[in-house]
Every structure is written in structure tokens, then in C-alpha cells.
Amino acid sequence: MAKKSVIARQKKREATVAKFAEKRAALKEAGDYAALSQLPRNASPVRLKNRCQLTGRPKGYMRYFGLGRVMFRDMALAGKIPGVKKASW
């Protein structure tokens, strides 16, 4: 599991991106790059990192499920993800 501080930092970035999304879009539309550079750096969506919703793991992220590969496997084997089952042929 990722450190609590890293997960908290990510949540804070997500909130900042959501807060400034409208303002960023308006400034980009107007082409006012000087004012755009005055916004907080964490307001840019590029600074977000996809992380597992349960553990905060940054690598092995499966976008469709919002989980890391380890938690996805555990939940799939336990039958907690509908429509997913172990392949066998």
C-alpha cells in the first residue's frame, strides 16, 4: 500500500484540478498564457497520476476498473467484480 501522505497529496491535487478546471479552460480559450501560468501548478490535469482506489498503488493500474493489478486479481478471484472470471482453456 502506498504511503498515506502520497494518497492524500493525490486527493488534494484532484480537488485543485476540479476547482480550477473552468478557469483554465476559459484562459486557454482566450489564449491568455500569462494568466494561465499564474494558476497553481497542481491545477494542471497533467500532474495527476492514476492510482488504485483501494491501495494507492501507482503501477499496474487498470483504468476500466480503477484498480491496481494486485487488488483486481484478489477481487476477481473472490467474485467481487461482476462479469470477471479466471480464464481457462
C-alpha atoms as a PDB file:
ATOM      1  CA  MET A   1       0.000   0.000   0.000  1.00  0.00           C
ATOM      2  CA  ALA A   2       1.187   3.498  -0.809  1.00  0.00           C
ATOM      3  CA  LYS A   3       2.028   5.910   1.973  1.00  0.00           C
ATOM      4  CA  LYS A   4      -0.925   7.830   3.374  1.00  0.00           C
ATOM      5  CA  SER A   5       0.805  11.124   2.584  1.00  0.00           C
ATOM      6  CA  VAL A   6       1.135  10.227  -1.113  1.00  0.00           C
ATOM      7  CA  ILE A   7      -2.537   9.264  -1.317  1.00  0.00           C
ATOM      8  CA  ALA A   8      -3.536  12.488   0.474  1.00  0.00           C
ATOM      9  CA  ARG A   9      -1.360  14.547  -1.885  1.00  0.00           C
ATOM     10  CA  GLN A  10      -3.057  12.937  -4.885  1.00  0.00           C
ATOM     11  CA  LYS A  11      -6.532  13.683  -3.484  1.00  0.00           C
ATOM     12  CA  LYS A  12      -5.506  17.290  -2.890  1.00  0.00           C
ATOM     13  CA  ARG A  13      -4.310  17.565  -6.500  1.00  0.00           C
ATOM     14  CA  GLU A  14      -7.594  16.116  -7.767  1.00  0.00           C
ATOM     15  CA  ALA A  15      -9.528  18.717  -5.786  1.00  0.00           C
ATOM     16  CA  THR A  16      -7.331  21.534  -7.122  1.00  0.00           C
ATOM     17  CA  VAL A  17      -7.753  20.362 -10.717  1.00  0.00           C
ATOM     18  CA  ALA A  18     -11.539  20.252 -10.279  1.00  0.00           C
ATOM     19  CA  LYS A  19     -11.575  23.696  -8.657  1.00  0.00           C
ATOM     20  CA  PHE A  20      -9.647  25.428 -11.454  1.00  0.00           C
ATOM     21  CA  ALA A  21     -10.937  23.404 -14.436  1.00  0.00           C
ATOM     22  CA  GLU A  22     -13.387  26.074 -15.639  1.00  0.00           C
ATOM     23  CA  LYS A  23     -10.932  28.913 -15.172  1.00  0.00           C
ATOM     24  CA  ARG A  24      -8.159  27.009 -17.008  1.00  0.00           C
ATOM     25  CA  ALA A  25     -10.484  26.251 -19.918  1.00  0.00           C
ATOM     26  CA  ALA A  26     -11.532  29.896 -20.212  1.00  0.00           C
ATOM     27  CA  LEU A  27      -7.935  31.153 -20.121  1.00  0.00           C
ATOM     28  CA  LYS A  28      -6.827  28.598 -22.723  1.00  0.00           C
ATOM     29  CA  GLU A  29      -9.742  29.570 -24.959  1.00  0.00           C
ATOM     30  CA  ALA A  30      -8.759  33.239 -24.682  1.00  0.00           C
ATOM     31  CA  GLY A  31      -5.089  32.418 -25.254  1.00  0.00           C
ATOM     32  CA  ASP A  32      -4.045  34.239 -22.077  1.00  0.00           C
ATOM     33  CA  TYR A  33      -0.981  32.150 -21.247  1.00  0.00           C
ATOM     34  CA  ALA A  34       0.444  34.735 -18.854  1.00  0.00           C
ATOM     35  CA  ALA A  35      -2.605  34.422 -16.579  1.00  0.00           C
ATOM     36  CA  LEU A  36      -2.594  30.654 -17.087  1.00  0.00           C
ATOM     37  CA  SER A  37       0.931  30.461 -15.706  1.00  0.00           C
ATOM     38  CA  GLN A  38      -0.208  32.315 -12.567  1.00  0.00           C
ATOM     39  CA  LEU A  39      -2.535  29.467 -11.588  1.00  0.00           C
ATOM     40  CA  PRO A  40      -1.234  26.857  -9.129  1.00  0.00           C
ATOM     41  CA  ARG A  41       0.891  24.163 -10.741  1.00  0.00           C
ATOM     42  CA  ASN A  42      -1.256  21.445  -9.210  1.00  0.00           C
ATOM     43  CA  ALA A  43      -4.258  22.845 -11.094  1.00  0.00           C
ATOM     44  CA  SER A  44      -2.936  21.215 -14.258  1.00  0.00           C
ATOM     45  CA  PRO A  45      -4.524  17.810 -15.002  1.00  0.00           C
ATOM     46  CA  VAL A  46      -1.178  16.591 -16.368  1.00  0.00           C
ATOM     47  CA  ARG A  47       0.122  16.370 -12.805  1.00  0.00           C
ATOM     48  CA  LEU A  48      -2.454  13.731 -11.837  1.00  0.00           C
ATOM     49  CA  LYS A  49      -1.376  10.098 -11.651  1.00  0.00           C
ATOM     50  CA  ASN A  50      -3.724   7.135 -11.994  1.00  0.00           C
ATOM     51  CA  ARG A  51      -3.707   5.199  -8.719  1.00  0.00           C
ATOM     52  CA  CYS A  52      -5.553   2.184  -7.347  1.00  0.00           C
ATOM     53  CA  GLN A  53      -8.648   3.328  -5.440  1.00  0.00           C
ATOM     54  CA  LEU A  54      -8.057   0.834  -2.630  1.00  0.00           C
ATOM     55  CA  THR A  55      -4.290   0.778  -2.120  1.00  0.00           C
ATOM     56  CA  GLY A  56      -2.969   3.856  -3.921  1.00  0.00           C
ATOM     57  CA  ARG A  57      -0.548   1.754  -5.990  1.00  0.00           C
ATOM     58  CA  PRO A  58       0.638   3.813  -8.999  1.00  0.00           C
ATOM     59  CA  LYS A  59       1.881   0.977 -11.219  1.00  0.00           C
ATOM     60  CA  GLY A  60      -0.188  -1.765 -12.808  1.00  0.00           C
ATOM     61  CA  TYR A  61      -3.312   0.410 -12.895  1.00  0.00           C
ATOM     62  CA  MET A  62      -6.316  -0.870 -14.842  1.00  0.00           C
ATOM     63  CA  ARG A  63      -8.267   2.158 -15.996  1.00  0.00           C
ATOM     64  CA  TYR A  64     -11.565   0.365 -16.693  1.00  0.00           C
ATOM     65  CA  PHE A  65     -11.810  -0.876 -13.108  1.00  0.00           C
ATOM     66  CA  GLY A  66      -9.897   1.867 -11.283  1.00  0.00           C
ATOM     67  CA  LEU A  67      -7.807  -0.760  -9.502  1.00  0.00           C
ATOM     68  CA  GLY A  68      -4.232  -1.922  -9.444  1.00  0.00           C
ATOM     69  CA  ARG A  69      -3.435  -5.364 -10.832  1.00  0.00           C
ATOM     70  CA  VAL A  70      -2.960  -6.934  -7.393  1.00  0.00           C
ATOM     71  CA  MET A  71      -6.311  -5.800  -5.989  1.00  0.00           C
ATOM     72  CA  PHE A  72      -8.034  -6.583  -9.285  1.00  0.00           C
ATOM     73  CA  ARG A  73      -6.787 -10.169  -9.115  1.00  0.00           C
ATOM     74  CA  ASP A  74      -7.797 -10.580  -5.467  1.00  0.00           C
ATOM     75  CA  MET A  75     -11.274  -9.182  -6.062  1.00  0.00           C
ATOM     76  CA  ALA A  76     -11.789 -11.144  -9.296  1.00  0.00           C
ATOM     77  CA  LEU A  77     -10.835 -14.437  -7.650  1.00  0.00           C
ATOM     78  CA  ALA A  78     -13.137 -13.655  -4.732  1.00  0.00           C
ATOM     79  CA  GLY A  79     -16.005 -12.978  -7.187  1.00  0.00           C
ATOM     80  CA  LYS A  80     -16.408  -9.327  -6.163  1.00  0.00           C
ATOM     81  CA  ILE A  81     -16.181  -7.946  -9.715  1.00  0.00           C
ATOM     82  CA  PRO A  82     -19.274  -8.873 -11.767  1.00  0.00           C
ATOM     83  CA  GLY A  83     -18.625 -10.470 -15.140  1.00  0.00           C
ATOM     84  CA  VAL A  84     -14.968 -11.240 -14.475  1.00  0.00           C
ATOM     85  CA  LYS A  85     -13.779 -14.801 -14.080  1.00  0.00           C
ATOM     86  CA  LYS A  86     -10.495 -16.630 -14.400  1.00  0.00           C
ATOM     87  CA  ALA A  87      -9.737 -17.768 -17.920  1.00  0.00           C
ATOM     88  CA  SER A  88      -9.154 -21.437 -18.644  1.00  0.00           C
ATOM     89  CA  TRP A  89      -8.843 -23.254 -21.929  1.00  0.00           C
END
